[in-house]
Amino acid sequence: MELDKLLTVAKESALIGGQVLKENFGKVKTEEIEEKGPKDFVSFVDRKAEERIRDYLKGKFPEFSILGEEGGLEEKGNLFWVIDPLDGTKNFLAGFPIFGVSVALVDAEKNFQPLVGAVYLPYWDELYYASLGGGAFKNGKPIRVNTHKKELKKCFYCYGFPSRAKRDLNLYCEIMLSIFGKVASLRRPGAAAVDLVYVAEGIFDGTFEFELKIWDVAAGSLIVREAGGKVEWLNFNTTDWRLDLVASIPQFFEEIKTEVESRL
């Protein structure tokens, strides 16, 4: 199957979900916010965006499986559409414009390797996308990671801590503080998909994040790789789709990965 056609569908899906986010940004009332669990919020916006994306994907490729954050898994075959209809829900609900829609197609027979992926940032009207072997793009223009830096102490990294940590949060604080001592600065935007496309674009030099789900990172990981960066999913568990992630410009990937892995 042609990756170009699959990529077009991924891009269109992300835009469809993004339109729902655009229409509702700044309009969700407090009483319309539900708590799925401690510190785990959802609103009708997440659900509506995913429903529209699912309907579109089913119309295009009814034979493919679909895995979404809100709607769970509809399993039909080895190719999975993986959807995060609103990555950065807390940001969105607070009016902080760092959030996005992430859609990827992954191959379950190849350890869920992403084949195509798109991340749309509705507030900025920025669409990032990539296909396996086809390069990475933002709004039609090629993007590349920042490869000219020679010293880690001059690099700009971001990170992500889980709101509902399974591990001891002190462990993540130790990792963050250790890496903070090695780099120029750290930031926490609060949306893994956004973090990854900003690495791909060369804004950040890398990111390390914990207890994510595959829908947070499938599209962004491919975009980083196709932009020349390195990404690895650590401790990936297909039972609950949980994973840790390290992404970086190539010259410092191993150092950051070692710092994370040695402490987990």
Protein backbone atom coordinates (compact mmCIF):
# COMPACT_ATOMS: atom_id res chain seq x y z
CA MET A 1 0.00 0.00 0.00
CA GLU A 2 1.31 3.43 -0.93
CA LEU A 3 2.52 5.42 2.03
CA ASP A 4 1.60 8.68 0.30
CA LYS A 5 -2.08 7.77 0.39
CA LEU A 6 -1.87 6.68 4.01
CA LEU A 7 -0.07 9.88 4.94
CA THR A 8 -2.75 11.98 3.27
CA VAL A 9 -5.39 10.25 5.39
CA ALA A 10 -3.33 10.76 8.57
CA LYS A 11 -2.97 14.47 7.78
CA GLU A 12 -6.65 14.90 6.99
CA SER A 13 -7.59 13.03 10.19
CA ALA A 14 -5.44 15.31 12.32
CA LEU A 15 -7.02 18.37 10.69
CA ILE A 16 -10.52 17.00 11.28
CA GLY A 17 -9.79 16.52 14.97
CA GLY A 18 -8.07 19.87 15.13
CA GLN A 19 -11.15 21.65 13.85
CA VAL A 20 -13.09 20.39 16.86
CA LEU A 21 -10.36 21.72 19.15
CA LYS A 22 -10.34 25.10 17.39
CA GLU A 23 -14.09 25.46 17.70
CA ASN A 24 -14.05 24.77 21.43
CA PHE A 25 -10.81 26.30 22.72
CA GLY A 26 -11.59 28.62 25.60
CA LYS A 27 -15.24 27.58 25.66
CA VAL A 28 -15.31 24.46 27.86
CA LYS A 29 -17.14 25.14 31.13
CA THR A 30 -15.89 23.79 34.44
CA GLU A 31 -18.98 21.62 34.85
CA GLU A 32 -18.28 20.02 31.45
CA ILE A 33 -14.90 18.66 32.58
CA GLU A 34 -14.90 15.07 33.84
CA GLU A 35 -12.26 13.34 35.94
CA LYS A 36 -11.53 9.84 34.60
CA GLY A 37 -9.19 9.29 37.53
CA PRO A 38 -7.02 11.36 39.87
CA LYS A 39 -5.54 14.24 37.83
CA ASP A 40 -6.89 12.63 34.63
CA PHE A 41 -9.33 15.00 32.94
CA VAL A 42 -11.47 14.68 29.83
CA SER A 43 -14.22 16.73 28.20
CA PHE A 44 -16.67 16.37 25.36
CA VAL A 45 -14.00 17.94 23.15
CA ASP A 46 -11.63 14.95 23.42
CA ARG A 47 -14.46 12.52 22.72
CA LYS A 48 -15.97 14.48 19.86
CA ALA A 49 -12.60 14.92 18.15
CA GLU A 50 -11.83 11.21 18.41
CA GLU A 51 -15.28 10.21 17.17
CA ARG A 52 -14.87 12.33 14.06
CA ILE A 53 -11.39 10.99 13.41
CA ARG A 54 -12.56 7.38 13.88
CA ASP A 55 -15.51 7.85 11.54
CA TYR A 56 -13.24 9.31 8.88
CA LEU A 57 -10.65 6.53 9.20
CA LYS A 58 -13.28 3.79 9.10
CA GLY A 59 -14.63 5.27 5.90
CA LYS A 60 -11.19 5.26 4.29
CA PHE A 61 -9.74 2.00 5.63
CA PRO A 62 -12.43 -0.15 7.31
CA GLU A 63 -10.05 -3.12 7.43
CA PHE A 64 -7.54 -1.42 9.77
CA SER A 65 -7.52 -1.58 13.56
CA ILE A 66 -8.02 1.63 15.52
CA LEU A 67 -6.56 2.46 18.93
CA GLY A 68 -7.57 5.73 20.54
CA GLU A 69 -7.07 7.31 23.94
CA GLU A 70 -10.78 7.74 24.57
CA GLY A 71 -12.40 4.96 22.55
CA GLY A 72 -9.95 2.15 23.18
CA LEU A 73 -9.06 -0.60 20.70
CA GLU A 74 -11.09 -1.87 17.76
CA GLU A 75 -8.86 -4.66 16.52
CA LYS A 76 -9.19 -5.95 12.95
CA GLY A 77 -5.67 -6.46 11.62
CA ASN A 78 -1.96 -5.81 12.11
CA LEU A 79 -2.11 -2.21 10.90
CA PHE A 80 -3.32 0.14 13.64
CA TRP A 81 -4.43 3.73 13.40
CA VAL A 82 -3.29 5.25 16.71
CA ILE A 83 -5.14 8.41 17.79
CA ASP A 84 -4.64 11.01 20.46
CA PRO A 85 -7.49 13.46 19.79
CA LEU A 86 -6.18 16.01 22.30
CA ASP A 87 -2.64 15.73 23.57
CA GLY A 88 -2.23 18.35 26.27
CA THR A 89 -5.76 18.19 27.67
CA LYS A 90 -4.90 20.13 30.82
CA ASN A 91 -3.24 22.85 28.73
CA PHE A 92 -6.31 23.04 26.52
CA LEU A 93 -8.72 23.28 29.44
CA ALA A 94 -6.60 25.95 31.12
CA GLY A 95 -6.38 28.08 27.96
CA PHE A 96 -2.68 27.39 27.44
CA PRO A 97 -2.25 26.94 23.67
CA ILE A 98 0.27 24.09 23.71
CA PHE A 99 -1.85 21.13 22.60
CA GLY A 100 -2.38 19.06 19.49
CA VAL A 101 -3.91 16.13 17.64
CA SER A 102 -1.78 13.10 16.86
CA VAL A 103 -2.62 10.39 14.30
CA ALA A 104 -0.29 7.60 13.16
CA LEU A 105 -0.48 4.25 11.41
CA VAL A 106 1.68 1.58 13.05
CA ASP A 107 2.55 -2.00 12.10
CA ALA A 108 1.92 -4.42 14.96
CA GLU A 109 4.02 -7.11 13.26
CA LYS A 110 7.07 -4.83 13.41
CA ASN A 111 6.83 -3.89 17.11
CA PHE A 112 4.31 -1.15 16.30
CA GLN A 113 6.69 0.73 14.04
CA PRO A 114 5.03 3.93 12.81
CA LEU A 115 4.58 4.04 9.02
CA VAL A 116 2.98 7.47 8.68
CA GLY A 117 2.14 10.14 11.20
CA ALA A 118 0.71 13.62 11.55
CA VAL A 119 0.59 16.07 14.45
CA TYR A 120 -1.57 19.16 14.13
CA LEU A 121 -1.27 22.16 16.47
CA PRO A 122 -4.62 23.93 15.97
CA TYR A 123 -3.90 27.17 17.79
CA TRP A 124 -0.91 27.85 15.53
CA ASP A 125 -2.37 26.13 12.45
CA GLU A 126 0.80 24.05 12.13
CA LEU A 127 0.71 20.58 10.59
CA TYR A 128 3.75 18.32 11.05
CA TYR A 129 3.91 15.01 9.23
CA ALA A 130 6.16 12.22 7.99
CA SER A 131 6.17 8.84 6.28
CA LEU A 132 8.71 6.07 6.75
CA GLY A 133 11.66 6.92 4.52
CA GLY A 134 9.93 10.01 3.15
CA GLY A 135 11.29 12.79 5.34
CA ALA A 136 9.56 15.14 7.79
CA PHE A 137 7.61 18.29 7.00
CA LYS A 138 5.80 21.23 8.56
CA ASN A 139 3.11 22.92 6.48
CA GLY A 140 4.71 21.56 3.32
CA LYS A 141 8.31 22.53 4.09
CA PRO A 142 11.03 20.02 5.08
CA ILE A 143 12.22 20.15 8.68
CA ARG A 144 15.42 18.85 10.29
CA VAL A 145 16.69 18.43 13.81
CA ASN A 146 19.45 20.69 15.06
CA THR A 147 22.70 18.87 14.22
CA HIS A 148 25.22 21.71 14.47
CA LYS A 149 25.58 21.81 18.25
CA LYS A 150 28.86 20.41 19.55
CA GLU A 151 28.34 20.68 23.32
CA LEU A 152 25.54 19.26 25.42
CA LYS A 153 25.83 22.18 27.84
CA LYS A 154 24.57 24.46 25.05
CA CYS A 155 21.49 22.35 24.29
CA PHE A 156 17.82 23.09 24.95
CA TYR A 157 15.85 20.03 26.17
CA CYS A 158 12.34 19.43 27.43
CA TYR A 159 10.86 16.69 29.58
CA GLY A 160 7.56 15.24 30.74
CA PHE A 161 6.48 13.87 34.10
CA PRO A 162 3.24 11.88 34.45
CA SER A 163 0.43 13.39 36.48
CA ARG A 164 -0.49 9.89 37.66
CA ALA A 165 2.92 8.35 38.29
CA LYS A 166 3.19 4.61 38.84
CA ARG A 167 6.79 5.00 39.94
CA ASP A 168 8.13 7.19 42.73
CA LEU A 169 8.17 10.78 41.47
CA ASN A 170 11.47 11.33 43.27
CA LEU A 171 13.07 9.08 40.67
CA TYR A 172 11.94 11.39 37.86
CA CYS A 173 13.12 14.41 39.81
CA GLU A 174 16.56 12.83 40.15
CA ILE A 175 16.75 12.22 36.39
CA MET A 176 15.55 15.73 35.62
CA LEU A 177 18.05 17.32 38.00
CA SER A 178 20.92 15.22 36.65
CA ILE A 179 20.20 16.17 33.03
CA PHE A 180 19.48 19.76 34.02
CA GLY A 181 23.07 19.94 35.22
CA LYS A 182 24.33 18.87 31.81
CA VAL A 183 22.25 21.05 29.46
CA ALA A 184 21.66 24.77 28.98
CA SER A 185 17.98 24.65 29.93
CA LEU A 186 14.94 22.43 30.43
CA ARG A 187 11.30 23.17 29.66
CA ARG A 188 8.05 21.28 30.32
CA PRO A 189 5.41 22.22 27.72
CA GLY A 190 2.99 19.52 28.87
CA ALA A 191 2.19 17.72 25.61
CA ALA A 192 4.46 14.94 24.37
CA ALA A 193 3.40 15.18 20.73
CA VAL A 194 4.24 18.88 20.73
CA ASP A 195 7.59 18.21 22.42
CA LEU A 196 8.51 15.74 19.70
CA VAL A 197 7.63 17.88 16.71
CA TYR A 198 9.54 20.75 18.29
CA VAL A 199 12.57 18.44 18.48
CA ALA A 200 12.03 17.55 14.82
CA GLU A 201 11.88 21.22 13.89
CA GLY A 202 15.04 22.08 15.81
CA ILE A 203 13.41 24.16 18.55
CA PHE A 204 14.30 21.62 21.22
CA ASP A 205 17.39 19.42 21.02
CA GLY A 206 15.67 16.52 22.69
CA THR A 207 13.18 15.30 25.25
CA PHE A 208 12.82 12.58 27.89
CA GLU A 209 9.38 11.58 29.10
CA PHE A 210 7.88 8.94 31.37
CA GLU A 211 4.79 6.74 31.55
CA LEU A 212 3.38 7.86 28.24
CA LYS A 213 1.01 5.90 26.02
CA ILE A 214 1.66 4.90 22.42
CA TRP A 215 -0.93 7.38 21.14
CA ASP A 216 1.05 10.23 22.70
CA VAL A 217 4.19 9.48 20.72
CA ALA A 218 3.62 7.29 17.64
CA ALA A 219 3.32 10.13 15.13
CA GLY A 220 5.85 12.41 16.81
CA SER A 221 8.45 9.67 17.05
CA LEU A 222 8.32 9.04 13.32
CA ILE A 223 8.51 12.77 12.59
CA VAL A 224 11.65 13.09 14.74
CA ARG A 225 13.32 10.10 13.07
CA GLU A 226 12.50 11.34 9.60
CA ALA A 227 13.89 14.76 10.56
CA GLY A 228 17.22 13.14 11.41
CA GLY A 229 16.82 12.63 15.15
CA LYS A 230 16.90 9.50 17.29
CA VAL A 231 14.00 8.13 19.33
CA GLU A 232 13.65 5.07 21.51
CA TRP A 233 10.64 3.73 23.37
CA LEU A 234 11.78 2.21 26.66
CA ASN A 235 9.83 -0.40 28.65
CA PHE A 236 7.10 -0.55 25.99
CA ASN A 237 4.20 -2.69 27.22
CA THR A 238 1.44 -3.67 24.80
CA THR A 239 -0.82 -4.74 27.67
CA ASP A 240 -1.54 -1.15 28.63
CA TRP A 241 0.35 0.65 25.83
CA ARG A 242 2.62 2.37 28.37
CA LEU A 243 6.20 3.41 27.62
CA ASP A 244 9.02 5.78 28.50
CA LEU A 245 10.70 7.79 25.77
CA VAL A 246 14.02 9.40 24.93
CA ALA A 247 14.43 11.54 21.80
CA SER A 248 17.40 13.66 20.88
CA ILE A 249 19.64 15.08 18.24
CA PRO A 250 21.98 12.22 17.28
CA GLN A 251 25.18 13.53 18.81
CA PHE A 252 23.83 13.42 22.37
CA PHE A 253 21.21 10.67 22.20
CA GLU A 254 23.27 7.94 23.86
CA GLU A 255 24.32 10.16 26.74
CA ILE A 256 20.75 11.21 27.52
CA LYS A 257 19.42 7.67 27.08
CA THR A 258 22.08 6.27 29.43
CA GLU A 259 21.25 8.89 32.05
CA VAL A 260 17.57 7.91 31.90
CA GLU A 261 18.00 4.13 31.66
CA SER A 262 20.59 3.90 34.42
CA ARG A 263 18.13 5.39 36.91
CA LEU A 264 14.85 3.75 35.90
